[in-house]
Amino acid sequence: MNQRAVEFFFDVGSPTAYLAWTQLPSLAASCNAELIYRPMLLGGVFKATGNASPVTVPAKGHWMHQDIARWAKRYGVPYQHNPHFPINTLTMMRVAAGLNMQGGHKLTAYLQAVMPAMWADPKNMADPAVLGAVLAQAELDPAGLLELSQQAEVKAQLVATTEEAVSRGVFGAPSMFVGDTLFFGQDRLEFVREALLA
């Protein structure tokens, strides 16, 4: 992968991936670098690596909720813990994979609808009716996107990207690559910037 590119492996179910998502476009632009979105299924990564969400350790989960809020304030972006967390993101991530196959601009519009509904004005996005309403409000096509999520090649792409992520050392989200170097966590973005400018 070109050193002037950053690959962003993410799942919309991760609040720290949300924070990274709010920062990476401007970071990449400031480095004259390409931002490559790599939708993956975090649950699949956890299963393959033996990892688990930090909230499975109550003390760590409590700390993380506070830390995420601190980072959101530093970035100047809205954030509210989603009371429905953890949320099954399989359908949402299949849609992301399908749109990414069609072209980045379609994925960008989708994420601009879904990410805030997960982490800024949090909703139960595992509910198909809620997801559909969010997509419709963003002038996206809920029925068409649901159909996209059921296509065999889209399902296979999400699996393939998740497996690729694991094979390259990914164990959680967000994970960013500059070349072959892995950076994990939204609090490592300055290291990403340094790598892009090296």
N, C-alpha and C. Protein backbone atom coordinates (compact mmCIF):
# COMPACT_ATOMS: atom_id res chain seq x y z
N MET A 1 0.84 -1.19 0.00
CA MET A 1 0.00 0.00 0.00
C MET A 1 0.88 1.25 0.00
N ASN A 2 0.48 2.21 -0.81
CA ASN A 2 1.20 3.47 -0.92
C ASN A 2 1.35 4.14 0.45
N GLN A 3 2.55 4.66 0.74
CA GLN A 3 2.77 5.35 2.00
C GLN A 3 1.90 6.60 2.12
N ARG A 4 1.43 7.13 0.99
CA ARG A 4 0.57 8.31 1.03
C ARG A 4 -0.90 7.90 1.07
N ALA A 5 -1.17 6.83 1.78
CA ALA A 5 -2.54 6.37 1.96
C ALA A 5 -2.67 5.80 3.36
N VAL A 6 -3.86 5.94 3.93
CA VAL A 6 -4.15 5.33 5.22
C VAL A 6 -5.40 4.47 5.05
N GLU A 7 -5.28 3.22 5.42
CA GLU A 7 -6.42 2.31 5.39
C GLU A 7 -7.10 2.35 6.75
N PHE A 8 -8.40 2.48 6.73
CA PHE A 8 -9.19 2.63 7.95
C PHE A 8 -10.12 1.43 8.10
N PHE A 9 -9.71 0.49 8.95
CA PHE A 9 -10.54 -0.68 9.24
C PHE A 9 -11.46 -0.32 10.40
N PHE A 10 -12.76 -0.47 10.19
CA PHE A 10 -13.71 0.04 11.17
C PHE A 10 -15.00 -0.77 11.20
N ASP A 11 -15.74 -0.58 12.28
CA ASP A 11 -17.09 -1.08 12.44
C ASP A 11 -17.87 0.05 13.11
N VAL A 12 -19.06 0.35 12.63
CA VAL A 12 -19.83 1.47 13.18
C VAL A 12 -20.26 1.21 14.62
N GLY A 13 -20.12 -0.03 15.10
CA GLY A 13 -20.48 -0.35 16.47
C GLY A 13 -19.44 0.06 17.49
N SER A 14 -18.31 0.59 17.03
CA SER A 14 -17.23 1.01 17.93
C SER A 14 -17.27 2.53 18.11
N PRO A 15 -17.43 3.00 19.36
CA PRO A 15 -17.43 4.45 19.57
C PRO A 15 -16.07 5.08 19.27
N THR A 16 -15.00 4.34 19.47
CA THR A 16 -13.68 4.90 19.16
C THR A 16 -13.47 4.94 17.65
N ALA A 17 -14.09 4.02 16.90
CA ALA A 17 -14.05 4.11 15.44
C ALA A 17 -14.81 5.35 14.97
N TYR A 18 -15.90 5.66 15.68
CA TYR A 18 -16.64 6.89 15.37
C TYR A 18 -15.74 8.11 15.54
N LEU A 19 -15.01 8.16 16.65
CA LEU A 19 -14.12 9.31 16.88
C LEU A 19 -13.06 9.39 15.78
N ALA A 20 -12.47 8.25 15.43
CA ALA A 20 -11.47 8.26 14.35
C ALA A 20 -12.09 8.73 13.04
N TRP A 21 -13.30 8.28 12.77
CA TRP A 21 -14.01 8.67 11.54
C TRP A 21 -14.20 10.18 11.45
N THR A 22 -14.42 10.83 12.60
CA THR A 22 -14.62 12.28 12.58
C THR A 22 -13.32 13.02 12.24
N GLN A 23 -12.18 12.39 12.45
CA GLN A 23 -10.89 13.07 12.30
C GLN A 23 -10.12 12.69 11.05
N LEU A 24 -10.29 11.47 10.58
CA LEU A 24 -9.41 10.97 9.52
C LEU A 24 -9.53 11.70 8.18
N PRO A 25 -10.72 12.11 7.74
CA PRO A 25 -10.76 12.82 6.46
C PRO A 25 -9.90 14.08 6.44
N SER A 26 -9.99 14.89 7.49
CA SER A 26 -9.18 16.12 7.51
C SER A 26 -7.71 15.79 7.71
N LEU A 27 -7.42 14.76 8.50
CA LEU A 27 -6.03 14.37 8.71
C LEU A 27 -5.40 13.94 7.39
N ALA A 28 -6.11 13.08 6.66
CA ALA A 28 -5.59 12.60 5.37
C ALA A 28 -5.40 13.76 4.40
N ALA A 29 -6.39 14.66 4.35
CA ALA A 29 -6.30 15.79 3.43
C ALA A 29 -5.10 16.68 3.77
N SER A 30 -4.85 16.88 5.06
CA SER A 30 -3.73 17.74 5.47
C SER A 30 -2.39 17.12 5.12
N CYS A 31 -2.38 15.80 4.94
CA CYS A 31 -1.14 15.09 4.56
C CYS A 31 -1.09 14.77 3.08
N ASN A 32 -2.08 15.28 2.34
CA ASN A 32 -2.18 14.97 0.91
C ASN A 32 -2.18 13.46 0.68
N ALA A 33 -2.93 12.77 1.54
CA ALA A 33 -2.96 11.30 1.49
C ALA A 33 -4.38 10.82 1.19
N GLU A 34 -4.45 9.63 0.65
CA GLU A 34 -5.74 9.01 0.36
C GLU A 34 -6.24 8.27 1.60
N LEU A 35 -7.53 8.43 1.90
CA LEU A 35 -8.18 7.70 2.98
C LEU A 35 -8.96 6.55 2.37
N ILE A 36 -8.59 5.33 2.73
CA ILE A 36 -9.21 4.14 2.17
C ILE A 36 -10.05 3.47 3.25
N TYR A 37 -11.36 3.44 3.03
CA TYR A 37 -12.27 2.83 4.00
C TYR A 37 -12.28 1.31 3.83
N ARG A 38 -12.16 0.61 4.95
CA ARG A 38 -12.15 -0.85 4.94
C ARG A 38 -13.17 -1.37 5.96
N PRO A 39 -14.44 -1.45 5.58
CA PRO A 39 -15.46 -1.95 6.50
C PRO A 39 -15.19 -3.41 6.87
N MET A 40 -15.22 -3.69 8.17
CA MET A 40 -15.01 -5.05 8.66
C MET A 40 -16.04 -5.32 9.76
N LEU A 41 -16.15 -6.57 10.15
CA LEU A 41 -17.08 -6.94 11.22
C LEU A 41 -16.28 -7.16 12.50
N LEU A 42 -16.46 -6.25 13.45
CA LEU A 42 -15.67 -6.30 14.67
C LEU A 42 -15.91 -7.60 15.45
N GLY A 43 -17.14 -8.07 15.45
CA GLY A 43 -17.42 -9.33 16.13
C GLY A 43 -16.62 -10.48 15.55
N GLY A 44 -16.44 -10.47 14.24
CA GLY A 44 -15.63 -11.50 13.59
C GLY A 44 -14.17 -11.39 13.97
N VAL A 45 -13.69 -10.16 14.10
CA VAL A 45 -12.30 -9.94 14.54
C VAL A 45 -12.12 -10.45 15.96
N PHE A 46 -13.05 -10.10 16.83
CA PHE A 46 -12.96 -10.57 18.22
C PHE A 46 -12.93 -12.09 18.29
N LYS A 47 -13.81 -12.71 17.52
CA LYS A 47 -13.91 -14.18 17.55
C LYS A 47 -12.60 -14.81 17.07
N ALA A 48 -12.02 -14.23 16.02
CA ALA A 48 -10.81 -14.82 15.44
C ALA A 48 -9.58 -14.59 16.30
N THR A 49 -9.58 -13.52 17.07
CA THR A 49 -8.38 -13.15 17.84
C THR A 49 -8.49 -13.45 19.33
N GLY A 50 -9.68 -13.80 19.79
CA GLY A 50 -9.86 -14.02 21.22
C GLY A 50 -10.00 -12.73 22.01
N ASN A 51 -10.16 -11.63 21.31
CA ASN A 51 -10.34 -10.34 21.96
C ASN A 51 -11.80 -10.15 22.34
N ALA A 52 -12.10 -9.11 23.09
CA ALA A 52 -13.47 -8.81 23.50
C ALA A 52 -13.59 -7.32 23.72
N SER A 53 -14.82 -6.84 23.72
CA SER A 53 -15.07 -5.43 23.98
C SER A 53 -14.58 -5.05 25.37
N PRO A 54 -14.01 -3.84 25.52
CA PRO A 54 -13.56 -3.39 26.84
C PRO A 54 -14.67 -3.40 27.89
N VAL A 55 -15.93 -3.28 27.45
CA VAL A 55 -17.02 -3.22 28.43
C VAL A 55 -17.23 -4.55 29.13
N THR A 56 -16.59 -5.61 28.64
CA THR A 56 -16.71 -6.89 29.34
C THR A 56 -15.94 -6.87 30.66
N VAL A 57 -15.07 -5.88 30.82
CA VAL A 57 -14.40 -5.64 32.11
C VAL A 57 -15.03 -4.38 32.68
N PRO A 58 -15.92 -4.50 33.67
CA PRO A 58 -16.71 -3.34 34.13
C PRO A 58 -15.88 -2.09 34.45
N ALA A 59 -14.78 -2.26 35.15
CA ALA A 59 -13.98 -1.08 35.51
C ALA A 59 -13.40 -0.41 34.26
N LYS A 60 -12.94 -1.23 33.32
CA LYS A 60 -12.39 -0.67 32.08
C LYS A 60 -13.48 -0.01 31.25
N GLY A 61 -14.65 -0.64 31.21
CA GLY A 61 -15.76 -0.05 30.46
C GLY A 61 -16.17 1.29 31.03
N HIS A 62 -16.23 1.40 32.36
CA HIS A 62 -16.58 2.67 33.01
C HIS A 62 -15.56 3.74 32.66
N TRP A 63 -14.28 3.38 32.72
CA TRP A 63 -13.22 4.33 32.38
C TRP A 63 -13.32 4.76 30.92
N MET A 64 -13.56 3.78 30.03
CA MET A 64 -13.60 4.09 28.59
C MET A 64 -14.72 5.05 28.25
N HIS A 65 -15.89 4.89 28.87
CA HIS A 65 -16.99 5.81 28.60
C HIS A 65 -16.57 7.24 28.91
N GLN A 66 -15.86 7.42 30.00
CA GLN A 66 -15.39 8.75 30.37
C GLN A 66 -14.30 9.24 29.42
N ASP A 67 -13.40 8.34 29.05
CA ASP A 67 -12.29 8.72 28.18
C ASP A 67 -12.78 9.11 26.79
N ILE A 68 -13.73 8.36 26.27
CA ILE A 68 -14.29 8.68 24.95
C ILE A 68 -14.92 10.07 24.98
N ALA A 69 -15.63 10.38 26.06
CA ALA A 69 -16.24 11.71 26.18
C ALA A 69 -15.17 12.80 26.22
N ARG A 70 -14.06 12.53 26.90
CA ARG A 70 -12.95 13.51 26.94
C ARG A 70 -12.39 13.75 25.54
N TRP A 71 -12.18 12.67 24.79
CA TRP A 71 -11.64 12.81 23.45
C TRP A 71 -12.63 13.53 22.53
N ALA A 72 -13.91 13.23 22.66
CA ALA A 72 -14.91 13.91 21.83
C ALA A 72 -14.88 15.42 22.11
N LYS A 73 -14.75 15.78 23.37
CA LYS A 73 -14.66 17.20 23.72
C LYS A 73 -13.42 17.81 23.13
N ARG A 74 -12.29 17.10 23.18
CA ARG A 74 -11.05 17.62 22.60
C ARG A 74 -11.20 17.83 21.10
N TYR A 75 -11.85 16.88 20.42
CA TYR A 75 -12.04 16.97 18.97
C TYR A 75 -13.13 17.97 18.59
N GLY A 76 -13.97 18.34 19.56
CA GLY A 76 -15.07 19.24 19.26
C GLY A 76 -16.17 18.58 18.47
N VAL A 77 -16.44 17.30 18.77
CA VAL A 77 -17.49 16.56 18.05
C VAL A 77 -18.53 16.06 19.05
N PRO A 78 -19.78 15.93 18.62
CA PRO A 78 -20.82 15.44 19.53
C PRO A 78 -20.63 13.97 19.84
N TYR A 79 -20.94 13.60 21.07
CA TYR A 79 -20.87 12.19 21.46
C TYR A 79 -21.81 11.94 22.62
N GLN A 80 -22.57 10.86 22.51
CA GLN A 80 -23.36 10.34 23.63
C GLN A 80 -23.23 8.83 23.61
N HIS A 81 -23.01 8.26 24.78
CA HIS A 81 -22.97 6.80 24.84
C HIS A 81 -24.32 6.24 24.40
N ASN A 82 -24.29 5.24 23.54
CA ASN A 82 -25.53 4.64 23.06
C ASN A 82 -26.06 3.67 24.12
N PRO A 83 -27.25 3.94 24.66
CA PRO A 83 -27.78 3.08 25.74
C PRO A 83 -28.12 1.68 25.27
N HIS A 84 -28.16 1.48 23.95
CA HIS A 84 -28.49 0.16 23.40
C HIS A 84 -27.23 -0.67 23.14
N PHE A 85 -26.07 -0.11 23.42
CA PHE A 85 -24.79 -0.79 23.20
C PHE A 85 -24.70 -2.03 24.09
N PRO A 86 -24.14 -3.14 23.57
CA PRO A 86 -23.62 -3.33 22.21
C PRO A 86 -24.75 -3.60 21.21
N ILE A 87 -24.54 -3.14 20.00
CA ILE A 87 -25.53 -3.24 18.93
C ILE A 87 -25.01 -4.18 17.85
N ASN A 88 -25.87 -5.07 17.40
CA ASN A 88 -25.51 -5.97 16.30
C ASN A 88 -25.41 -5.14 15.02
N THR A 89 -24.22 -5.07 14.46
CA THR A 89 -23.99 -4.20 13.29
C THR A 89 -23.88 -4.96 11.97
N LEU A 90 -24.23 -6.23 11.97
CA LEU A 90 -24.01 -7.05 10.77
C LEU A 90 -24.65 -6.44 9.53
N THR A 91 -25.92 -6.08 9.62
CA THR A 91 -26.59 -5.51 8.45
C THR A 91 -25.95 -4.19 8.04
N MET A 92 -25.69 -3.33 9.03
CA MET A 92 -25.09 -2.03 8.72
C MET A 92 -23.73 -2.18 8.06
N MET A 93 -22.94 -3.14 8.52
CA MET A 93 -21.60 -3.30 7.96
C MET A 93 -21.65 -3.98 6.59
N ARG A 94 -22.65 -4.83 6.36
CA ARG A 94 -22.82 -5.37 5.01
C ARG A 94 -23.17 -4.26 4.04
N VAL A 95 -24.04 -3.35 4.46
CA VAL A 95 -24.36 -2.20 3.62
C VAL A 95 -23.11 -1.39 3.34
N ALA A 96 -22.31 -1.15 4.38
CA ALA A 96 -21.07 -0.39 4.20
C ALA A 96 -20.14 -1.07 3.21
N ALA A 97 -20.03 -2.39 3.33
CA ALA A 97 -19.17 -3.13 2.40
C ALA A 97 -19.69 -3.02 0.97
N GLY A 98 -21.00 -3.14 0.82
CA GLY A 98 -21.59 -3.06 -0.52
C GLY A 98 -21.40 -1.69 -1.15
N LEU A 99 -21.63 -0.64 -0.37
CA LEU A 99 -21.45 0.71 -0.90
C LEU A 99 -19.99 0.99 -1.21
N ASN A 100 -19.09 0.45 -0.41
CA ASN A 100 -17.67 0.64 -0.66
C ASN A 100 -17.26 -0.01 -1.98
N MET A 101 -17.92 -1.11 -2.31
CA MET A 101 -17.66 -1.78 -3.59
C MET A 101 -18.13 -0.92 -4.76
N GLN A 102 -19.12 -0.08 -4.51
CA GLN A 102 -19.70 0.75 -5.58
C GLN A 102 -18.97 2.08 -5.76
N GLY A 103 -18.25 2.50 -4.73
CA GLY A 103 -17.55 3.78 -4.82
C GLY A 103 -17.59 4.52 -3.50
N GLY A 104 -16.49 5.13 -3.16
CA GLY A 104 -16.33 5.73 -1.85
C GLY A 104 -17.34 6.80 -1.50
N HIS A 105 -17.81 7.59 -2.49
CA HIS A 105 -18.71 8.69 -2.18
C HIS A 105 -20.04 8.19 -1.62
N LYS A 106 -20.48 7.01 -2.09
CA LYS A 106 -21.73 6.44 -1.58
C LYS A 106 -21.56 6.00 -0.13
N LEU A 107 -20.41 5.43 0.19
CA LEU A 107 -20.14 5.02 1.57
C LEU A 107 -20.06 6.24 2.46
N THR A 108 -19.46 7.31 1.98
CA THR A 108 -19.33 8.54 2.77
C THR A 108 -20.69 9.07 3.20
N ALA A 109 -21.62 9.13 2.26
CA ALA A 109 -22.97 9.61 2.57
C ALA A 109 -23.67 8.70 3.57
N TYR A 110 -23.47 7.42 3.43
CA TYR A 110 -24.06 6.44 4.34
C TYR A 110 -23.52 6.62 5.76
N LEU A 111 -22.21 6.74 5.88
CA LEU A 111 -21.60 6.90 7.20
C LEU A 111 -22.01 8.21 7.85
N GLN A 112 -22.23 9.23 7.04
CA GLN A 112 -22.67 10.52 7.58
C GLN A 112 -24.06 10.42 8.19
N ALA A 113 -24.82 9.40 7.78
CA ALA A 113 -26.14 9.17 8.38
C ALA A 113 -26.05 8.22 9.57
N VAL A 114 -25.28 7.15 9.42
CA VAL A 114 -25.28 6.08 10.41
C VAL A 114 -24.44 6.40 11.64
N MET A 115 -23.25 6.96 11.43
CA MET A 115 -22.37 7.21 12.57
C MET A 115 -23.00 8.14 13.62
N PRO A 116 -23.58 9.29 13.23
CA PRO A 116 -24.21 10.13 14.24
C PRO A 116 -25.40 9.46 14.92
N ALA A 117 -26.11 8.62 14.18
CA ALA A 117 -27.25 7.92 14.78
C ALA A 117 -26.80 6.87 15.78
N MET A 118 -25.56 6.46 15.67
CA MET A 118 -24.99 5.53 16.64
C MET A 118 -24.42 6.25 17.85
N TRP A 119 -23.74 7.41 17.60
CA TRP A 119 -22.89 7.96 18.66
C TRP A 119 -23.07 9.45 18.94
N ALA A 120 -23.92 10.15 18.23
CA ALA A 120 -24.15 11.56 18.52
C ALA A 120 -25.57 11.78 19.04
N ASP A 121 -26.54 11.22 18.33
CA ASP A 121 -27.94 11.22 18.76
C ASP A 121 -28.37 9.76 18.78
N PRO A 122 -27.90 9.00 19.78
CA PRO A 122 -27.91 7.54 19.70
C PRO A 122 -29.30 6.91 19.62
N LYS A 123 -29.39 5.97 18.71
CA LYS A 123 -30.63 5.24 18.48
C LYS A 123 -30.35 3.74 18.48
N ASN A 124 -31.40 2.95 18.60
CA ASN A 124 -31.25 1.50 18.54
C ASN A 124 -31.17 1.07 17.08
N MET A 125 -29.97 1.15 16.53
CA MET A 125 -29.79 0.92 15.09
C MET A 125 -29.86 -0.55 14.71
N ALA A 126 -30.00 -1.44 15.69
CA ALA A 126 -30.21 -2.84 15.38
C ALA A 126 -31.67 -3.10 14.99
N ASP A 127 -32.53 -2.15 15.28
CA ASP A 127 -33.95 -2.25 14.92
C ASP A 127 -34.10 -1.83 13.45
N PRO A 128 -34.55 -2.74 12.59
CA PRO A 128 -34.64 -2.42 11.16
C PRO A 128 -35.49 -1.18 10.88
N ALA A 129 -36.54 -0.97 11.67
CA ALA A 129 -37.38 0.21 11.46
C ALA A 129 -36.64 1.49 11.78
N VAL A 130 -35.85 1.46 12.83
CA VAL A 130 -35.06 2.64 13.22
C VAL A 130 -33.99 2.90 12.16
N LEU A 131 -33.29 1.87 11.75
CA LEU A 131 -32.27 2.02 10.71
C LEU A 131 -32.89 2.58 9.43
N GLY A 132 -34.04 2.03 9.06
CA GLY A 132 -34.71 2.51 7.85
C GLY A 132 -35.08 3.97 7.93
N ALA A 133 -35.57 4.39 9.10
CA ALA A 133 -35.96 5.79 9.28
C ALA A 133 -34.75 6.72 9.19
N VAL A 134 -33.63 6.30 9.76
CA VAL A 134 -32.41 7.10 9.70
C VAL A 134 -31.95 7.25 8.24
N LEU A 135 -31.98 6.15 7.50
CA LEU A 135 -31.55 6.20 6.11
C LEU A 135 -32.49 7.06 5.27
N ALA A 136 -33.79 6.92 5.51
CA ALA A 136 -34.76 7.71 4.75
C ALA A 136 -34.61 9.20 5.03
N GLN A 137 -34.35 9.54 6.29
CA GLN A 137 -34.17 10.94 6.65
C GLN A 137 -32.95 11.53 5.94
N ALA A 138 -31.95 10.68 5.67
CA ALA A 138 -30.75 11.13 4.97
C ALA A 138 -30.92 11.05 3.45
N GLU A 139 -32.14 10.80 3.01
CA GLU A 139 -32.47 10.69 1.59
C GLU A 139 -31.71 9.56 0.91
N LEU A 140 -31.49 8.49 1.69
CA LEU A 140 -30.95 7.25 1.14
C LEU A 140 -32.11 6.28 0.94
N ASP A 141 -31.86 5.18 0.29
CA ASP A 141 -32.91 4.23 -0.08
C ASP A 141 -32.88 3.02 0.86
N PRO A 142 -33.70 3.02 1.93
CA PRO A 142 -33.64 1.92 2.89
C PRO A 142 -33.86 0.54 2.27
N ALA A 143 -34.86 0.42 1.42
CA ALA A 143 -35.16 -0.88 0.82
C ALA A 143 -34.02 -1.33 -0.09
N GLY A 144 -33.50 -0.41 -0.86
CA GLY A 144 -32.40 -0.75 -1.77
C GLY A 144 -31.14 -1.14 -1.02
N LEU A 145 -30.88 -0.45 0.08
CA LEU A 145 -29.68 -0.77 0.86
C LEU A 145 -29.83 -2.10 1.60
N LEU A 146 -31.04 -2.39 2.07
CA LEU A 146 -31.28 -3.69 2.70
C LEU A 146 -31.08 -4.81 1.68
N GLU A 147 -31.57 -4.59 0.48
CA GLU A 147 -31.37 -5.58 -0.59
C GLU A 147 -29.89 -5.75 -0.89
N LEU A 148 -29.15 -4.65 -0.91
CA LEU A 148 -27.71 -4.71 -1.14
C LEU A 148 -27.03 -5.57 -0.08
N SER A 149 -27.47 -5.43 1.17
CA SER A 149 -26.83 -6.15 2.27
C SER A 149 -27.03 -7.66 2.16
N GLN A 150 -27.99 -8.08 1.37
CA GLN A 150 -28.29 -9.51 1.25
C GLN A 150 -27.62 -10.17 0.04
N GLN A 151 -26.90 -9.38 -0.74
CA GLN A 151 -26.25 -9.94 -1.92
C GLN A 151 -25.05 -10.80 -1.52
N ALA A 152 -24.93 -11.94 -2.16
CA ALA A 152 -23.88 -12.90 -1.78
C ALA A 152 -22.49 -12.30 -1.90
N GLU A 153 -22.25 -11.53 -2.95
CA GLU A 153 -20.91 -10.98 -3.14
C GLU A 153 -20.58 -9.92 -2.08
N VAL A 154 -21.61 -9.22 -1.60
CA VAL A 154 -21.41 -8.23 -0.54
C VAL A 154 -21.09 -8.93 0.78
N LYS A 155 -21.85 -9.96 1.10
CA LYS A 155 -21.57 -10.74 2.31
C LYS A 155 -20.15 -11.30 2.26
N ALA A 156 -19.77 -11.81 1.09
CA ALA A 156 -18.43 -12.40 0.94
C ALA A 156 -17.35 -11.33 1.09
N GLN A 157 -17.61 -10.12 0.60
CA GLN A 157 -16.62 -9.05 0.71
C GLN A 157 -16.39 -8.66 2.16
N LEU A 158 -17.45 -8.58 2.94
CA LEU A 158 -17.29 -8.23 4.35
C LEU A 158 -16.49 -9.30 5.08
N VAL A 159 -16.78 -10.55 4.78
CA VAL A 159 -16.03 -11.65 5.39
C VAL A 159 -14.56 -11.57 4.98
N ALA A 160 -14.32 -11.33 3.69
CA ALA A 160 -12.95 -11.30 3.18
C ALA A 160 -12.15 -10.16 3.81
N THR A 161 -12.76 -9.00 3.95
CA THR A 161 -12.06 -7.86 4.55
C THR A 161 -11.77 -8.12 6.02
N THR A 162 -12.72 -8.74 6.71
CA THR A 162 -12.52 -9.07 8.12
C THR A 162 -11.38 -10.07 8.26
N GLU A 163 -11.36 -11.08 7.40
CA GLU A 163 -10.28 -12.07 7.45
C GLU A 163 -8.93 -11.45 7.10
N GLU A 164 -8.93 -10.54 6.12
CA GLU A 164 -7.69 -9.84 5.77
C GLU A 164 -7.18 -9.03 6.94
N ALA A 165 -8.10 -8.33 7.61
CA ALA A 165 -7.71 -7.52 8.76
C ALA A 165 -7.02 -8.38 9.82
N VAL A 166 -7.62 -9.52 10.13
CA VAL A 166 -7.05 -10.42 11.14
C VAL A 166 -5.68 -10.92 10.69
N SER A 167 -5.57 -11.26 9.40
CA SER A 167 -4.30 -11.78 8.89
C SER A 167 -3.19 -10.75 8.95
N ARG A 168 -3.56 -9.47 8.98
CA ARG A 168 -2.56 -8.40 9.03
C ARG A 168 -2.31 -7.91 10.45
N GLY A 169 -2.94 -8.57 11.42
CA GLY A 169 -2.65 -8.24 12.81
C GLY A 169 -3.70 -7.42 13.52
N VAL A 170 -4.82 -7.14 12.87
CA VAL A 170 -5.88 -6.35 13.50
C VAL A 170 -6.55 -7.18 14.59
N PHE A 171 -6.81 -6.55 15.73
CA PHE A 171 -7.49 -7.22 16.84
C PHE A 171 -8.65 -6.40 17.38
N GLY A 172 -8.86 -5.21 16.84
CA GLY A 172 -9.94 -4.36 17.29
C GLY A 172 -10.14 -3.19 16.35
N ALA A 173 -11.02 -2.27 16.75
CA ALA A 173 -11.32 -1.10 15.93
C ALA A 173 -11.29 0.16 16.80
N PRO A 174 -10.83 1.27 16.21
CA PRO A 174 -10.37 1.41 14.83
C PRO A 174 -8.92 0.96 14.66
N SER A 175 -8.64 0.43 13.48
CA SER A 175 -7.26 0.06 13.12
C SER A 175 -6.92 0.76 11.82
N MET A 176 -5.76 1.39 11.80
CA MET A 176 -5.30 2.11 10.61
C MET A 176 -3.95 1.55 10.17
N PHE A 177 -3.79 1.45 8.87
CA PHE A 177 -2.51 1.04 8.31
C PHE A 177 -1.96 2.17 7.44
N VAL A 178 -0.69 2.46 7.64
CA VAL A 178 0.08 3.25 6.68
C VAL A 178 1.17 2.31 6.20
N GLY A 179 1.06 1.90 4.94
CA GLY A 179 1.92 0.83 4.47
C GLY A 179 1.61 -0.44 5.24
N ASP A 180 2.62 -1.06 5.80
CA ASP A 180 2.44 -2.28 6.57
C ASP A 180 2.37 -2.03 8.07
N THR A 181 2.40 -0.77 8.49
CA THR A 181 2.42 -0.45 9.91
C THR A 181 1.00 -0.26 10.43
N LEU A 182 0.68 -1.00 11.48
CA LEU A 182 -0.64 -0.95 12.10
C LEU A 182 -0.65 0.06 13.25
N PHE A 183 -1.67 0.91 13.26
CA PHE A 183 -1.92 1.81 14.37
C PHE A 183 -3.31 1.50 14.91
N PHE A 184 -3.40 1.19 16.19
CA PHE A 184 -4.69 0.83 16.78
C PHE A 184 -5.16 1.92 17.73
N GLY A 185 -6.42 2.33 17.56
CA GLY A 185 -7.03 3.26 18.49
C GLY A 185 -7.08 4.68 17.96
N GLN A 186 -8.18 5.36 18.24
CA GLN A 186 -8.33 6.74 17.77
C GLN A 186 -7.35 7.68 18.45
N ASP A 187 -6.74 7.25 19.56
CA ASP A 187 -5.75 8.08 20.24
C ASP A 187 -4.36 7.93 19.66
N ARG A 188 -4.25 7.24 18.53
CA ARG A 188 -2.96 7.08 17.85
C ARG A 188 -2.90 7.84 16.53
N LEU A 189 -3.83 8.78 16.34
CA LEU A 189 -3.91 9.46 15.05
C LEU A 189 -2.70 10.32 14.76
N GLU A 190 -2.04 10.85 15.79
CA GLU A 190 -0.84 11.65 15.52
C GLU A 190 0.30 10.77 14.99
N PHE A 191 0.32 9.51 15.43
CA PHE A 191 1.30 8.59 14.87
C PHE A 191 0.98 8.30 13.40
N VAL A 192 -0.31 8.22 13.08
CA VAL A 192 -0.73 8.04 11.68
C VAL A 192 -0.25 9.22 10.86
N ARG A 193 -0.45 10.43 11.39
CA ARG A 193 -0.02 11.64 10.67
C ARG A 193 1.49 11.62 10.43
N GLU A 194 2.24 11.27 11.45
CA GLU A 194 3.70 11.22 11.31
C GLU A 194 4.11 10.21 10.25
N ALA A 195 3.45 9.07 10.23
CA ALA A 195 3.78 8.04 9.25
C ALA A 195 3.47 8.50 7.83
N LEU A 196 2.37 9.22 7.67
CA LEU A 196 1.99 9.72 6.34
C LEU A 196 2.96 10.79 5.84
N LEU A 197 3.54 11.53 6.77
CA LEU A 197 4.44 12.62 6.38
C LEU A 197 5.92 12.19 6.33
N ALA A 198 6.16 10.97 6.75
CA ALA A 198 7.55 10.49 6.79
C ALA A 198 8.14 10.37 5.39
